[in-house]
């Protein structure tokens, strides 16, 4: 199926690329969204996910267009043209709060394309950013959001883990670089996941302020939101330890939040993508 290569420019002048795939003309759409804006996880990009390949096949067959969007965390390291010239972006240098501008730009792009019933689908760190965005902004341009396998980035939870002492050492190194005026100084850390990037990025995600902890932001999300995790998520990684149970409990407390468990599902829903799309489609139908 042909796709169009598209772009959106953020409020601070960062040009981000993506693709737009429309369903075949005349395809029946019984869902409450016309388009899903799909955001990749850490170091990903709009064209490299076979999971989004499969979801695009399934969604367009149901009459839903798919925008696959780069955010400024795309690829390990990249460059973007901005108002002040070229600037470094990518997973090594991204700051999660900047997702506010990235998500806003792509939602604005969807509106400019004429879509009126917009949904957002983020995977992994893209799911965390989706929760962060809607936990900090009521955006009436969007009908609903889906967070696929979001990690829980919690300094306090990581400290309680048997690996907590080693983790705290990496945080201390990052903080020392920040205090020394070296926010772009590199951190090579093994925890909470293997990381090679700037001290500012590491501290933004994993520091004691916990500013990107999804458990903080989920209660502030006003629109309908579905999160899911697979039973085979990487439990060896700190951000996934206990998150399935935490979000299952939170779903019983928040009226607009649902959490699904994918049997035998790994972080990329390998072998389970038609099943996962069925879960998403049933949830979307429940909103009609």
C-alpha atoms as a PDB file:
ATOM      1  CA  UNK A   1       0.000   0.000   0.000  1.00  0.00           C
ATOM      2  CA  UNK A   2       1.490   3.387  -0.978  1.00  0.00           C
ATOM      3  CA  UNK A   3       2.297   5.949   1.679  1.00  0.00           C
ATOM      4  CA  UNK A   4       3.071   9.657   1.538  1.00  0.00           C
ATOM      5  CA  UNK A   5       6.203  11.028   3.217  1.00  0.00           C
ATOM      6  CA  UNK A   6       5.126  14.011   5.291  1.00  0.00           C
ATOM      7  CA  UNK A   7       6.533  16.397   7.872  1.00  0.00           C
ATOM      8  CA  UNK A   8       5.471  18.573  10.790  1.00  0.00           C
ATOM      9  CA  UNK A   9       7.302  21.509  12.337  1.00  0.00           C
ATOM     10  CA  UNK A  10       7.226  22.064  16.083  1.00  0.00           C
ATOM     11  CA  UNK A  11       6.645  25.372  17.812  1.00  0.00           C
ATOM     12  CA  UNK A  12      10.388  25.670  18.473  1.00  0.00           C
ATOM     13  CA  UNK A  13      11.193  25.098  14.816  1.00  0.00           C
ATOM     14  CA  UNK A  14      12.194  21.408  14.714  1.00  0.00           C
ATOM     15  CA  UNK A  15      11.135  19.711  11.469  1.00  0.00           C
ATOM     16  CA  UNK A  16      10.058  16.106  12.003  1.00  0.00           C
ATOM     17  CA  UNK A  17       9.330  13.597   9.257  1.00  0.00           C
ATOM     18  CA  UNK A  18       6.780  10.817   9.042  1.00  0.00           C
ATOM     19  CA  UNK A  19       4.432   8.955   6.747  1.00  0.00           C
ATOM     20  CA  UNK A  20       0.714   8.992   6.049  1.00  0.00           C
ATOM     21  CA  UNK A  21      -1.083   5.871   4.878  1.00  0.00           C
ATOM     22  CA  UNK A  22      -4.722   6.135   3.910  1.00  0.00           C
ATOM     23  CA  UNK A  23      -7.180   3.232   3.792  1.00  0.00           C
ATOM     24  CA  UNK A  24      -8.488   2.119   0.430  1.00  0.00           C
ATOM     25  CA  UNK A  25     -11.228   4.468  -0.717  1.00  0.00           C
ATOM     26  CA  UNK A  26     -14.605   3.091   0.270  1.00  0.00           C
ATOM     27  CA  UNK A  27     -13.331   0.988   3.177  1.00  0.00           C
ATOM     28  CA  UNK A  28     -15.985   0.854   5.880  1.00  0.00           C
ATOM     29  CA  UNK A  29     -14.932   2.468   9.168  1.00  0.00           C
ATOM     30  CA  UNK A  30     -17.079   1.671  12.198  1.00  0.00           C
ATOM     31  CA  UNK A  31     -14.546   3.001  14.704  1.00  0.00           C
ATOM     32  CA  UNK A  32     -14.690   6.386  16.459  1.00  0.00           C
ATOM     33  CA  UNK A  33     -11.376   7.556  14.955  1.00  0.00           C
ATOM     34  CA  UNK A  34     -10.391   8.387  11.389  1.00  0.00           C
ATOM     35  CA  UNK A  35      -6.663   8.404  12.029  1.00  0.00           C
ATOM     36  CA  UNK A  36      -4.112   7.156  14.544  1.00  0.00           C
ATOM     37  CA  UNK A  37      -0.890   9.108  15.077  1.00  0.00           C
ATOM     38  CA  UNK A  38       1.777   6.532  15.951  1.00  0.00           C
ATOM     39  CA  UNK A  39       4.851   7.486  17.986  1.00  0.00           C
ATOM     40  CA  UNK A  40       7.900   5.201  18.236  1.00  0.00           C
ATOM     41  CA  UNK A  41       9.903   4.379  21.339  1.00  0.00           C
ATOM     42  CA  UNK A  42      13.428   5.312  22.354  1.00  0.00           C
ATOM     43  CA  UNK A  43      15.840   5.578  19.398  1.00  0.00           C
ATOM     44  CA  UNK A  44      13.138   4.398  16.974  1.00  0.00           C
ATOM     45  CA  UNK A  45      11.843   6.156  13.888  1.00  0.00           C
ATOM     46  CA  UNK A  46       8.730   6.317  11.734  1.00  0.00           C
ATOM     47  CA  UNK A  47       9.843   3.743   9.166  1.00  0.00           C
ATOM     48  CA  UNK A  48      11.697   1.086  11.148  1.00  0.00           C
ATOM     49  CA  UNK A  49       8.988  -0.654  13.189  1.00  0.00           C
ATOM     50  CA  UNK A  50       7.597  -3.914  11.843  1.00  0.00           C
ATOM     51  CA  UNK A  51       5.057  -3.723  14.675  1.00  0.00           C
ATOM     52  CA  UNK A  52       3.687  -0.485  13.224  1.00  0.00           C
ATOM     53  CA  UNK A  53       3.867  -2.110   9.759  1.00  0.00           C
ATOM     54  CA  UNK A  54       1.457  -4.777  10.969  1.00  0.00           C
ATOM     55  CA  UNK A  55      -0.751  -2.358  12.913  1.00  0.00           C
ATOM     56  CA  UNK A  56      -0.949  -0.168   9.791  1.00  0.00           C
ATOM     57  CA  UNK A  57      -2.160  -3.138   7.714  1.00  0.00           C
ATOM     58  CA  UNK A  58      -4.772  -3.970  10.324  1.00  0.00           C
ATOM     59  CA  UNK A  59      -5.923  -0.401  10.976  1.00  0.00           C
ATOM     60  CA  UNK A  60      -6.265   0.619   7.340  1.00  0.00           C
ATOM     61  CA  UNK A  61      -8.233  -2.574   6.675  1.00  0.00           C
ATOM     62  CA  UNK A  62     -10.665  -1.221   9.278  1.00  0.00           C
ATOM     63  CA  UNK A  63     -10.780   2.165   7.547  1.00  0.00           C
ATOM     64  CA  UNK A  64      -8.395   4.044   9.859  1.00  0.00           C
ATOM     65  CA  UNK A  65      -5.557   6.124   8.398  1.00  0.00           C
ATOM     66  CA  UNK A  66      -2.118   5.865  10.029  1.00  0.00           C
ATOM     67  CA  UNK A  67       0.362   8.676  10.581  1.00  0.00           C
ATOM     68  CA  UNK A  68       3.728   7.256  11.656  1.00  0.00           C
ATOM     69  CA  UNK A  69       5.631  10.134  13.205  1.00  0.00           C
ATOM     70  CA  UNK A  70       9.197  10.850  14.160  1.00  0.00           C
ATOM     71  CA  UNK A  71       9.574  12.672  17.456  1.00  0.00           C
ATOM     72  CA  UNK A  72      12.808  14.375  18.435  1.00  0.00           C
ATOM     73  CA  UNK A  73      13.937  11.201  20.213  1.00  0.00           C
ATOM     74  CA  UNK A  74      14.232   9.371  16.894  1.00  0.00           C
ATOM     75  CA  UNK A  75      17.363   7.298  16.279  1.00  0.00           C
ATOM     76  CA  UNK A  76      20.282   7.152  18.728  1.00  0.00           C
ATOM     77  CA  UNK A  77      21.529  10.562  17.601  1.00  0.00           C
ATOM     78  CA  UNK A  78      20.440  12.859  14.817  1.00  0.00           C
ATOM     79  CA  UNK A  79      20.475  16.454  13.685  1.00  0.00           C
ATOM     80  CA  UNK A  80      17.585  18.802  13.080  1.00  0.00           C
ATOM     81  CA  UNK A  81      17.415  22.215  11.505  1.00  0.00           C
ATOM     82  CA  UNK A  82      16.109  24.804  13.943  1.00  0.00           C
ATOM     83  CA  UNK A  83      15.805  28.580  14.161  1.00  0.00           C
ATOM     84  CA  UNK A  84      19.381  28.829  15.463  1.00  0.00           C
ATOM     85  CA  UNK A  85      20.893  26.382  12.994  1.00  0.00           C
ATOM     86  CA  UNK A  86      21.475  22.673  13.301  1.00  0.00           C
ATOM     87  CA  UNK A  87      20.834  21.140  16.700  1.00  0.00           C
ATOM     88  CA  UNK A  88      21.473  17.683  18.105  1.00  0.00           C
ATOM     89  CA  UNK A  89      18.434  15.538  18.752  1.00  0.00           C
ATOM     90  CA  UNK A  90      17.842  11.806  19.106  1.00  0.00           C
ATOM     91  CA  UNK A  91      17.665   9.411  22.032  1.00  0.00           C
ATOM     92  CA  UNK A  92      21.045  10.547  23.385  1.00  0.00           C
ATOM     93  CA  UNK A  93      19.900  14.145  23.785  1.00  0.00           C
ATOM     94  CA  UNK A  94      16.122  14.179  24.069  1.00  0.00           C
ATOM     95  CA  UNK A  95      14.252  15.659  27.014  1.00  0.00           C
ATOM     96  CA  UNK A  96      10.875  14.040  27.616  1.00  0.00           C
ATOM     97  CA  UNK A  97       9.011  17.335  28.337  1.00  0.00           C
ATOM     98  CA  UNK A  98       9.825  18.436  24.779  1.00  0.00           C
ATOM     99  CA  UNK A  99       7.314  15.835  23.622  1.00  0.00           C
ATOM    100  CA  UNK A 100       4.676  18.481  24.333  1.00  0.00           C
ATOM    101  CA  UNK A 101       5.803  20.307  21.206  1.00  0.00           C
ATOM    102  CA  UNK A 102       6.273  17.150  19.115  1.00  0.00           C
ATOM    103  CA  UNK A 103       2.840  15.706  19.920  1.00  0.00           C
ATOM    104  CA  UNK A 104       1.196  19.111  19.401  1.00  0.00           C
ATOM    105  CA  UNK A 105       2.834  19.477  15.982  1.00  0.00           C
ATOM    106  CA  UNK A 106       1.663  16.089  14.721  1.00  0.00           C
ATOM    107  CA  UNK A 107      -1.855  16.571  16.056  1.00  0.00           C
ATOM    108  CA  UNK A 108      -1.887  19.914  14.247  1.00  0.00           C
ATOM    109  CA  UNK A 109      -0.710  18.171  11.081  1.00  0.00           C
ATOM    110  CA  UNK A 110      -3.586  15.688  11.335  1.00  0.00           C
ATOM    111  CA  UNK A 111      -6.057  18.540  11.759  1.00  0.00           C
ATOM    112  CA  UNK A 112      -4.584  20.305   8.720  1.00  0.00           C
ATOM    113  CA  UNK A 113      -5.116  17.120   6.698  1.00  0.00           C
ATOM    114  CA  UNK A 114      -8.819  17.322   7.498  1.00  0.00           C
ATOM    115  CA  UNK A 115      -9.029  14.592  10.121  1.00  0.00           C
ATOM    116  CA  UNK A 116     -11.640  15.366  12.767  1.00  0.00           C
ATOM    117  CA  UNK A 117     -11.595  12.155  14.846  1.00  0.00           C
ATOM    118  CA  UNK A 118      -7.990  11.759  15.939  1.00  0.00           C
ATOM    119  CA  UNK A 119      -6.417   9.087  18.126  1.00  0.00           C
ATOM    120  CA  UNK A 120      -2.825   8.830  19.352  1.00  0.00           C
ATOM    121  CA  UNK A 121      -0.894   5.566  19.735  1.00  0.00           C
ATOM    122  CA  UNK A 122       2.510   5.583  21.427  1.00  0.00           C
ATOM    123  CA  UNK A 123       4.817   2.614  21.986  1.00  0.00           C
ATOM    124  CA  UNK A 124       7.318   2.157  24.832  1.00  0.00           C
ATOM    125  CA  UNK A 125       8.865   5.566  25.600  1.00  0.00           C
ATOM    126  CA  UNK A 126       6.422   6.949  23.022  1.00  0.00           C
ATOM    127  CA  UNK A 127       3.661   5.564  25.259  1.00  0.00           C
ATOM    128  CA  UNK A 128       5.209   7.257  28.300  1.00  0.00           C
ATOM    129  CA  UNK A 129       5.333  10.520  26.352  1.00  0.00           C
ATOM    130  CA  UNK A 130       1.706  10.076  25.283  1.00  0.00           C
ATOM    131  CA  UNK A 131       0.673   9.773  28.928  1.00  0.00           C
ATOM    132  CA  UNK A 132       2.887  12.742  29.812  1.00  0.00           C
ATOM    133  CA  UNK A 133       1.332  14.870  27.044  1.00  0.00           C
ATOM    134  CA  UNK A 134      -2.280  14.202  27.929  1.00  0.00           C
ATOM    135  CA  UNK A 135      -1.539  14.329  31.651  1.00  0.00           C
ATOM    136  CA  UNK A 136      -0.353  17.896  31.166  1.00  0.00           C
ATOM    137  CA  UNK A 137      -2.679  19.149  28.434  1.00  0.00           C
ATOM    138  CA  UNK A 138      -6.367  18.824  27.698  1.00  0.00           C
ATOM    139  CA  UNK A 139      -6.347  18.619  23.898  1.00  0.00           C
ATOM    140  CA  UNK A 140      -9.872  18.615  22.534  1.00  0.00           C
ATOM    141  CA  UNK A 141      -8.580  17.853  19.022  1.00  0.00           C
ATOM    142  CA  UNK A 142      -7.985  14.244  20.129  1.00  0.00           C
ATOM    143  CA  UNK A 143     -10.695  11.665  20.892  1.00  0.00           C
ATOM    144  CA  UNK A 144      -8.599   9.011  22.672  1.00  0.00           C
ATOM    145  CA  UNK A 145      -5.107   7.636  23.217  1.00  0.00           C
ATOM    146  CA  UNK A 146      -3.406   4.236  23.469  1.00  0.00           C
ATOM    147  CA  UNK A 147      -0.192   3.580  25.384  1.00  0.00           C
ATOM    148  CA  UNK A 148       1.495   0.373  24.199  1.00  0.00           C
ATOM    149  CA  UNK A 149       3.851  -1.112  26.809  1.00  0.00           C
ATOM    150  CA  UNK A 150       4.761   2.104  28.645  1.00  0.00           C
ATOM    151  CA  UNK A 151       7.673   1.770  31.096  1.00  0.00           C
ATOM    152  CA  UNK A 152       7.395   3.174  34.622  1.00  0.00           C
ATOM    153  CA  UNK A 153      10.352   5.521  35.173  1.00  0.00           C
ATOM    154  CA  UNK A 154      10.501   5.874  38.946  1.00  0.00           C
ATOM    155  CA  UNK A 155      13.670   6.759  40.832  1.00  0.00           C
ATOM    156  CA  UNK A 156      12.151   5.693  44.149  1.00  0.00           C
ATOM    157  CA  UNK A 157      11.041   2.302  42.775  1.00  0.00           C
ATOM    158  CA  UNK A 158      14.454   1.707  41.232  1.00  0.00           C
ATOM    159  CA  UNK A 159      16.173   2.505  44.520  1.00  0.00           C
ATOM    160  CA  UNK A 160      14.093  -0.147  46.305  1.00  0.00           C
ATOM    161  CA  UNK A 161      15.247  -2.790  43.826  1.00  0.00           C
ATOM    162  CA  UNK A 162      18.261  -5.029  44.605  1.00  0.00           C
ATOM    163  CA  UNK A 163      20.047  -3.134  41.806  1.00  0.00           C
ATOM    164  CA  UNK A 164      19.195   0.191  43.446  1.00  0.00           C
ATOM    165  CA  UNK A 165      22.652   0.992  44.780  1.00  0.00           C
ATOM    166  CA  UNK A 166      24.297   0.602  41.385  1.00  0.00           C
ATOM    167  CA  UNK A 167      21.524   2.648  39.764  1.00  0.00           C
ATOM    168  CA  UNK A 168      21.926   5.491  42.279  1.00  0.00           C
ATOM    169  CA  UNK A 169      25.615   5.702  41.391  1.00  0.00           C
ATOM    170  CA  UNK A 170      24.765   6.484  37.755  1.00  0.00           C
ATOM    171  CA  UNK A 171      22.295   9.152  38.865  1.00  0.00           C
ATOM    172  CA  UNK A 172      25.009  10.711  41.015  1.00  0.00           C
ATOM    173  CA  UNK A 173      27.388  10.833  38.040  1.00  0.00           C
ATOM    174  CA  UNK A 174      24.740  12.515  35.903  1.00  0.00           C
ATOM    175  CA  UNK A 175      23.954  15.053  38.627  1.00  0.00           C
ATOM    176  CA  UNK A 176      27.648  15.863  39.047  1.00  0.00           C
ATOM    177  CA  UNK A 177      27.953  16.635  35.341  1.00  0.00           C
ATOM    178  CA  UNK A 178      24.882  18.872  35.500  1.00  0.00           C
ATOM    179  CA  UNK A 179      26.258  20.704  38.537  1.00  0.00           C
ATOM    180  CA  UNK A 180      29.561  21.182  36.703  1.00  0.00           C
ATOM    181  CA  UNK A 181      27.770  22.828  33.777  1.00  0.00           C
ATOM    182  CA  UNK A 182      28.231  19.848  31.450  1.00  0.00           C
ATOM    183  CA  UNK A 183      24.663  18.727  30.602  1.00  0.00           C
ATOM    184  CA  UNK A 184      25.775  17.183  27.296  1.00  0.00           C
ATOM    185  CA  UNK A 185      28.534  15.172  28.936  1.00  0.00           C
ATOM    186  CA  UNK A 186      28.060  11.501  28.144  1.00  0.00           C
ATOM    187  CA  UNK A 187      26.811   8.906  30.618  1.00  0.00           C
ATOM    188  CA  UNK A 188      27.497   5.217  29.928  1.00  0.00           C
ATOM    189  CA  UNK A 189      25.108   3.417  32.287  1.00  0.00           C
ATOM    190  CA  UNK A 190      23.915  -0.159  32.661  1.00  0.00           C
ATOM    191  CA  UNK A 191      20.793   0.733  34.671  1.00  0.00           C
ATOM    192  CA  UNK A 192      17.856   1.092  34.668  1.00  0.00           C
ATOM    193  CA  UNK A 193      18.446   0.051  31.042  1.00  0.00           C
ATOM    194  CA  UNK A 194      21.631   0.224  28.969  1.00  0.00           C
ATOM    195  CA  UNK A 195      22.129   3.909  28.224  1.00  0.00           C
ATOM    196  CA  UNK A 196      24.667   6.000  26.352  1.00  0.00           C
ATOM    197  CA  UNK A 197      23.697   9.634  26.150  1.00  0.00           C
ATOM    198  CA  UNK A 198      23.829  13.015  27.775  1.00  0.00           C
ATOM    199  CA  UNK A 199      23.765  13.592  31.507  1.00  0.00           C
ATOM    200  CA  UNK A 200      20.760  15.882  31.046  1.00  0.00           C
ATOM    201  CA  UNK A 201      18.781  13.175  29.247  1.00  0.00           C
ATOM    202  CA  UNK A 202      19.647  10.524  31.823  1.00  0.00           C
ATOM    203  CA  UNK A 203      18.713  12.762  34.759  1.00  0.00           C
ATOM    204  CA  UNK A 204      15.520  13.945  33.020  1.00  0.00           C
ATOM    205  CA  UNK A 205      14.271  10.359  32.752  1.00  0.00           C
ATOM    206  CA  UNK A 206      15.637   8.792  35.915  1.00  0.00           C
ATOM    207  CA  UNK A 207      16.346  11.535  38.460  1.00  0.00           C
ATOM    208  CA  UNK A 208      14.677  11.806  41.894  1.00  0.00           C
ATOM    209  CA  UNK A 209      12.159  14.415  40.707  1.00  0.00           C
ATOM    210  CA  UNK A 210      10.396  11.619  38.761  1.00  0.00           C
ATOM    211  CA  UNK A 211       8.938  14.154  36.381  1.00  0.00           C
ATOM    212  CA  UNK A 212       8.110  11.519  33.752  1.00  0.00           C
ATOM    213  CA  UNK A 213       6.680   8.817  36.034  1.00  0.00           C
ATOM    214  CA  UNK A 214       3.469   7.627  34.351  1.00  0.00           C
ATOM    215  CA  UNK A 215       1.867   6.929  37.735  1.00  0.00           C
ATOM    216  CA  UNK A 216       2.049  10.666  38.435  1.00  0.00           C
ATOM    217  CA  UNK A 217       0.489  11.738  35.158  1.00  0.00           C
ATOM    218  CA  UNK A 218      -2.161   9.083  34.510  1.00  0.00           C
ATOM    219  CA  UNK A 219      -4.638  10.488  37.091  1.00  0.00           C
ATOM    220  CA  UNK A 220      -4.515  13.826  35.233  1.00  0.00           C
ATOM    221  CA  UNK A 221      -5.416  12.392  31.823  1.00  0.00           C
ATOM    222  CA  UNK A 222      -8.954  13.470  30.934  1.00  0.00           C
ATOM    223  CA  UNK A 223      -9.591  11.663  27.644  1.00  0.00           C
ATOM    224  CA  UNK A 224     -10.200   7.900  27.327  1.00  0.00           C
ATOM    225  CA  UNK A 225      -6.874   6.078  27.489  1.00  0.00           C
ATOM    226  CA  UNK A 226      -6.006   2.418  27.032  1.00  0.00           C
ATOM    227  CA  UNK A 227      -2.657   0.976  28.091  1.00  0.00           C
ATOM    228  CA  UNK A 228      -1.536  -2.580  27.540  1.00  0.00           C
ATOM    229  CA  UNK A 229       1.375  -4.789  28.547  1.00  0.00           C
ATOM    230  CA  UNK A 230       2.313  -8.299  27.530  1.00  0.00           C
ATOM    231  CA  UNK A 231       2.935 -11.078  30.007  1.00  0.00           C
ATOM    232  CA  UNK A 232       6.409 -11.528  28.455  1.00  0.00           C
ATOM    233  CA  UNK A 233       7.602  -7.928  28.845  1.00  0.00           C
ATOM    234  CA  UNK A 234      11.334  -7.718  29.752  1.00  0.00           C
ATOM    235  CA  UNK A 235      11.085  -8.147  33.534  1.00  0.00           C
ATOM    236  CA  UNK A 236      14.883  -8.123  33.736  1.00  0.00           C
ATOM    237  CA  UNK A 237      14.728  -4.388  33.012  1.00  0.00           C
ATOM    238  CA  UNK A 238      13.939  -2.122  35.959  1.00  0.00           C
ATOM    239  CA  UNK A 239      11.308   0.045  34.169  1.00  0.00           C
ATOM    240  CA  UNK A 240       9.099  -3.010  33.581  1.00  0.00           C
ATOM    241  CA  UNK A 241       9.303  -4.624  37.018  1.00  0.00           C
ATOM    242  CA  UNK A 242       5.868  -4.408  38.634  1.00  0.00           C
ATOM    243  CA  UNK A 243       4.366  -2.005  36.104  1.00  0.00           C
ATOM    244  CA  UNK A 244       1.752  -4.476  34.840  1.00  0.00           C
ATOM    245  CA  UNK A 245       0.402  -4.953  38.364  1.00  0.00           C
ATOM    246  CA  UNK A 246       0.542  -1.226  39.146  1.00  0.00           C
ATOM    247  CA  UNK A 247      -1.448  -0.224  36.092  1.00  0.00           C
ATOM    248  CA  UNK A 248      -3.973  -3.010  36.578  1.00  0.00           C
ATOM    249  CA  UNK A 249      -4.639  -1.620  40.057  1.00  0.00           C
ATOM    250  CA  UNK A 250      -4.819   1.957  38.791  1.00  0.00           C
ATOM    251  CA  UNK A 251      -7.359   1.012  36.114  1.00  0.00           C
ATOM    252  CA  UNK A 252      -9.791   0.035  38.876  1.00  0.00           C
ATOM    253  CA  UNK A 253      -9.543   3.560  40.293  1.00  0.00           C
ATOM    254  CA  UNK A 254      -9.683   5.779  37.178  1.00  0.00           C
ATOM    255  CA  UNK A 255     -12.923   5.859  35.191  1.00  0.00           C
ATOM    256  CA  UNK A 256     -11.355   6.893  31.880  1.00  0.00           C
ATOM    257  CA  UNK A 257      -8.367   4.525  32.048  1.00  0.00           C
ATOM    258  CA  UNK A 258      -8.291   0.903  30.925  1.00  0.00           C
ATOM    259  CA  UNK A 259      -5.454  -1.580  31.098  1.00  0.00           C
ATOM    260  CA  UNK A 260      -5.205  -4.776  29.050  1.00  0.00           C
ATOM    261  CA  UNK A 261      -2.890  -7.747  29.525  1.00  0.00           C
ATOM    262  CA  UNK A 262      -1.674  -9.486  26.361  1.00  0.00           C
ATOM    263  CA  UNK A 263      -1.099 -13.227  26.939  1.00  0.00           C
ATOM    264  CA  UNK A 264       2.333 -14.321  25.713  1.00  0.00           C
ATOM    265  CA  UNK A 265       2.967 -10.792  24.479  1.00  0.00           C
ATOM    266  CA  UNK A 266       6.481  -9.364  24.494  1.00  0.00           C
ATOM    267  CA  UNK A 267       7.424  -5.688  24.291  1.00  0.00           C
ATOM    268  CA  UNK A 268       6.758  -5.615  20.553  1.00  0.00           C
ATOM    269  CA  UNK A 269       3.703  -7.922  20.576  1.00  0.00           C
ATOM    270  CA  UNK A 270       5.612 -10.419  18.444  1.00  0.00           C
ATOM    271  CA  UNK A 271       3.227 -13.022  17.069  1.00  0.00           C
ATOM    272  CA  UNK A 272       0.306 -11.329  18.818  1.00  0.00           C
ATOM    273  CA  UNK A 273      -0.325  -8.267  16.693  1.00  0.00           C
ATOM    274  CA  UNK A 274      -3.716  -9.267  15.246  1.00  0.00           C
ATOM    275  CA  UNK A 275      -4.801 -10.110  18.809  1.00  0.00           C
ATOM    276  CA  UNK A 276      -3.517  -6.760  20.092  1.00  0.00           C
ATOM    277  CA  UNK A 277      -5.248  -4.860  17.302  1.00  0.00           C
ATOM    278  CA  UNK A 278      -8.422  -6.730  18.245  1.00  0.00           C
ATOM    279  CA  UNK A 279      -8.030  -5.517  21.846  1.00  0.00           C
ATOM    280  CA  UNK A 280      -7.517  -1.948  20.627  1.00  0.00           C
ATOM    281  CA  UNK A 281     -10.414  -2.187  18.172  1.00  0.00           C
ATOM    282  CA  UNK A 282     -12.801  -3.554  20.812  1.00  0.00           C
ATOM    283  CA  UNK A 283     -11.797  -0.772  23.173  1.00  0.00           C
ATOM    284  CA  UNK A 284     -12.287   1.839  20.457  1.00  0.00           C
ATOM    285  CA  UNK A 285     -15.718   0.389  19.679  1.00  0.00           C
ATOM    286  CA  UNK A 286     -16.646   0.724  23.353  1.00  0.00           C
ATOM    287  CA  UNK A 287     -16.123   4.488  23.013  1.00  0.00           C
ATOM    288  CA  UNK A 288     -18.583   4.856  20.124  1.00  0.00           C
END
